Protein backbone atom coordinates (compact mmCIF):
# COMPACT_ATOMS: atom_id res chain seq x y z
CA MET A 1 77.96 101.00 100.52
CA SER A 2 79.64 102.99 97.78
CA PRO A 3 81.14 101.00 94.90
CA ARG A 4 84.58 102.37 95.85
CA LEU A 5 84.29 101.07 99.41
CA LEU A 6 82.96 97.70 98.21
CA THR A 7 85.92 97.37 95.83
CA GLU A 8 88.39 98.20 98.60
CA LEU A 9 86.82 95.66 100.96
CA ALA A 10 86.84 92.97 98.28
CA ASN A 11 90.31 93.59 96.85
CA GLN A 12 92.49 94.87 99.68
CA SER A 13 94.02 92.75 102.37
CA ARG A 14 92.86 93.47 105.92
CA HIS A 15 96.17 95.21 106.63
CA ASP A 16 95.89 97.44 103.53
CA PHE A 17 92.26 98.32 104.26
CA LEU A 18 93.07 99.22 107.88
CA GLU A 19 96.03 101.33 106.74
CA ALA A 20 93.90 103.16 104.16
CA HIS A 21 91.15 103.83 106.73
CA ARG A 22 93.24 104.08 109.90
CA ASN A 23 91.21 106.82 111.59
CA SER A 24 87.93 106.31 109.74
CA HIS A 25 84.52 105.66 111.21
CA PHE A 26 81.60 104.15 109.34
CA LEU A 27 77.88 104.35 109.94
CA ALA A 28 75.69 101.36 109.06
CA VAL A 29 72.15 102.63 108.43
CA ALA A 30 69.18 100.26 108.61
CA VAL A 31 67.03 100.53 105.49
CA SER A 32 63.91 98.80 104.26
CA THR A 33 61.67 98.83 101.21
CA GLU A 34 59.40 101.20 103.15
CA THR A 35 62.13 103.88 103.20
CA PRO A 36 62.87 104.87 99.56
CA ASP A 37 63.47 108.50 100.60
CA LEU A 38 66.16 107.30 103.01
CA LEU A 39 67.93 105.47 100.17
CA ASP A 40 67.69 108.58 97.96
CA GLY A 41 69.28 110.67 100.71
CA LEU A 42 72.10 108.19 101.25
CA SER A 43 72.78 108.18 97.51
CA LEU A 44 73.34 111.97 97.61
CA MET A 45 76.46 111.31 99.67
CA CYS A 46 78.18 109.01 97.16
CA ALA A 47 79.68 110.77 94.16
CA ASP A 48 79.89 107.42 92.36
CA GLU A 49 76.31 106.40 93.21
CA ARG A 50 73.83 109.20 92.47
CA ALA A 51 70.07 108.75 92.44
CA SER A 52 68.82 108.08 88.90
CA HIS A 53 65.86 110.43 89.37
CA PRO A 54 65.32 113.80 91.05
CA VAL A 55 65.04 113.50 94.83
CA LYS A 56 61.53 114.55 95.82
CA ALA A 57 60.89 117.07 98.55
CA LEU A 58 60.02 115.91 102.03
CA PRO A 59 57.50 117.62 104.33
CA PHE A 60 58.68 120.97 105.66
CA LYS A 61 58.00 120.02 109.28
CA THR A 62 59.51 117.09 111.14
CA LYS A 63 56.88 114.48 111.89
CA ALA A 64 56.84 114.03 115.66
CA GLN A 65 57.08 110.42 116.77
CA ARG A 66 55.30 109.23 119.87
CA GLY A 67 56.58 106.27 121.84
CA VAL A 68 58.98 104.93 119.19
CA LEU A 69 62.31 105.96 120.66
CA SER A 70 63.25 102.58 122.12
CA VAL A 71 65.51 100.31 120.06
CA PRO A 72 63.96 96.82 120.03
CA PRO A 73 66.27 93.98 121.07
CA ARG A 74 67.49 91.79 118.24
CA ALA A 75 68.72 88.20 118.26
CA GLY A 76 72.21 87.17 117.14
CA THR A 77 75.70 88.33 117.88
CA ALA A 78 76.92 89.73 114.54
CA LEU A 79 77.22 93.51 114.41
CA PHE A 80 74.79 93.94 111.54
CA ASP A 81 72.22 91.77 113.33
CA LEU A 82 71.59 94.89 115.40
CA LEU A 83 70.27 96.54 112.25
CA GLY A 84 68.84 93.56 110.40
CA ALA A 85 69.98 92.22 107.07
CA ASN A 86 69.38 95.40 105.06
CA CYS A 87 71.74 98.23 105.76
CA ARG A 88 73.85 100.75 103.91
CA VAL A 89 77.33 101.63 105.13
CA LEU A 90 78.85 105.06 104.67
CA GLU A 91 82.06 106.65 105.78
CA VAL A 92 81.58 109.33 108.45
CA GLY A 93 83.08 112.52 107.07
CA LYS A 94 82.53 115.89 105.43
CA ARG A 95 80.96 115.99 101.97
CA ALA A 96 83.05 117.81 99.39
CA ASP A 97 80.03 118.85 97.32
CA VAL A 98 78.32 121.03 99.95
CA SER A 99 79.54 124.22 101.56
CA ALA A 100 79.94 123.92 105.29
CA ALA A 101 78.98 126.66 107.72
CA PHE A 102 80.78 124.66 110.42
CA PRO A 103 83.83 122.90 108.90
CA ASP A 104 84.62 121.17 112.21
CA ARG A 105 81.23 119.40 112.36
CA ILE A 106 79.88 116.44 110.39
CA SER A 107 76.23 117.40 110.14
CA ILE A 108 73.39 114.87 110.16
CA GLY A 109 69.82 115.57 109.05
CA ARG A 110 67.17 115.08 106.40
CA ALA A 111 68.15 118.23 104.44
CA ALA A 112 70.10 117.51 101.24
CA ASN A 113 72.91 119.88 102.28
CA LYS A 114 73.95 117.85 105.34
CA ASP A 115 77.08 115.68 105.43
CA ILE A 116 75.03 112.60 106.38
CA VAL A 117 71.59 112.75 104.76
CA LEU A 118 68.92 110.68 106.54
CA ARG A 119 65.76 111.52 104.57
CA ASP A 120 63.00 110.43 106.89
CA ALA A 121 60.12 112.46 108.31
CA SER A 122 61.26 111.54 111.85
CA VAL A 123 64.68 113.15 111.30
CA SER A 124 65.00 116.92 111.67
CA LYS A 125 66.48 118.98 108.83
CA PHE A 126 69.52 119.53 111.09
CA HIS A 127 69.27 116.69 113.60
CA ALA A 128 72.75 116.19 115.10
CA TRP A 129 76.45 116.38 114.38
CA PHE A 130 79.65 114.40 114.90
CA GLY A 131 82.87 116.07 115.97
CA VAL A 132 86.33 115.13 117.18
CA ASP A 133 87.85 116.56 120.37
CA GLU A 134 91.49 117.38 121.18
CA GLU A 135 92.18 113.72 122.14
CA ALA A 136 90.82 112.54 118.73
CA THR A 137 87.71 111.08 120.40
CA LEU A 138 84.59 111.00 118.23
CA TYR A 139 81.63 112.65 119.90
CA LEU A 140 77.98 113.19 118.95
CA VAL A 141 75.74 116.17 119.70
CA ASP A 142 71.96 116.33 119.29
CA ALA A 143 71.08 119.68 117.70
CA GLY A 144 67.80 120.02 119.60
CA SER A 145 65.96 117.68 117.23
CA THR A 146 62.22 117.05 117.44
CA ASN A 147 62.54 113.27 117.84
CA HIS A 148 65.87 113.18 119.65
CA THR A 149 69.05 111.20 119.26
CA LYS A 150 69.56 108.05 121.25
CA VAL A 151 72.96 106.45 121.93
CA GLY A 152 72.48 102.87 123.05
CA SER A 153 69.55 103.13 125.44
CA ARG A 154 70.15 106.77 126.50
CA LEU A 155 68.67 109.94 125.05
CA LEU A 156 71.27 112.61 124.35
CA THR A 157 70.87 115.92 126.08
CA PRO A 158 70.47 118.54 123.33
CA ARG A 159 73.65 120.48 122.49
CA SER A 160 75.74 118.45 124.94
CA PRO A 161 78.66 116.48 123.38
CA GLU A 162 78.89 112.81 124.25
CA ALA A 163 81.72 110.44 123.32
CA VAL A 164 80.54 107.61 121.08
CA PRO A 165 82.65 104.43 121.02
CA THR A 166 82.61 102.16 117.99
CA GLY A 167 80.09 99.34 118.16
CA THR A 168 77.47 101.71 119.56
CA THR A 169 73.92 101.79 118.21
CA ILE A 170 72.64 105.28 117.49
CA ARG A 171 69.07 106.21 116.68
CA PHE A 172 68.30 109.47 114.86
CA GLY A 173 64.52 109.92 115.15
CA ALA A 174 63.25 106.50 113.95
CA ILE A 175 66.41 105.59 111.98
CA ASP A 176 68.66 102.92 113.52
CA THR A 177 72.39 103.08 112.85
CA LEU A 178 75.55 101.41 114.11
CA LEU A 179 78.94 103.12 114.43
CA LEU A 180 81.85 101.00 113.17
CA ASP A 181 85.59 101.42 112.83
CA SER A 182 87.52 100.04 109.85
CA ASP A 183 88.48 96.80 111.64
CA MET A 184 84.88 96.06 112.67
CA LEU A 185 83.69 96.74 109.12
CA TRP A 186 86.39 94.50 107.62
CA LYS A 187 85.60 91.63 110.00
CA GLU A 188 81.85 91.90 109.43
CA CYS A 189 82.20 91.92 105.65
CA HIS A 190 84.56 88.93 105.68
CA ARG A 191 82.97 86.75 108.34
CA THR A 192 81.61 83.38 107.28
CA ARG A 193 77.85 83.46 107.07
């Protein structure tokens, strides 16, 4: 989570946080010590949290995964239990520091010029994108990725938009994520452990 977002969650009342992020969505990304490239990619998206070293290149080709597309069940009822204890939370939105060929799409991929950078060999350079339709519904589209995008237990059909409600688990290649709204994020960060 960016230092700015952490400060807001710690210092703002629930009402103020919800007002400030009324129409925002957040993506909780599962990370582990085995995924340093993933952490480097996520740090590219936070102007106030840059990587302290140059981000190394990843393989040119996406590494095809075989038989790893199912999300294993997890115990517990808390939202982050779906991802385990280690996750990073980012706001879903356009990055100001990259030029966008498609300003109406929030691009997701392992390439450093995407809006959401998931640097993992199982994630395609341009893997998927978020968009918002005329009714302000958030939708997700798989861009024809090598290792697919999975919403809940269903594989997305490439290039076919699908509405994604908050609280939904999404898997990009082998990377597990959880889509949150501002109220869900506030409650999870302030619940008694």
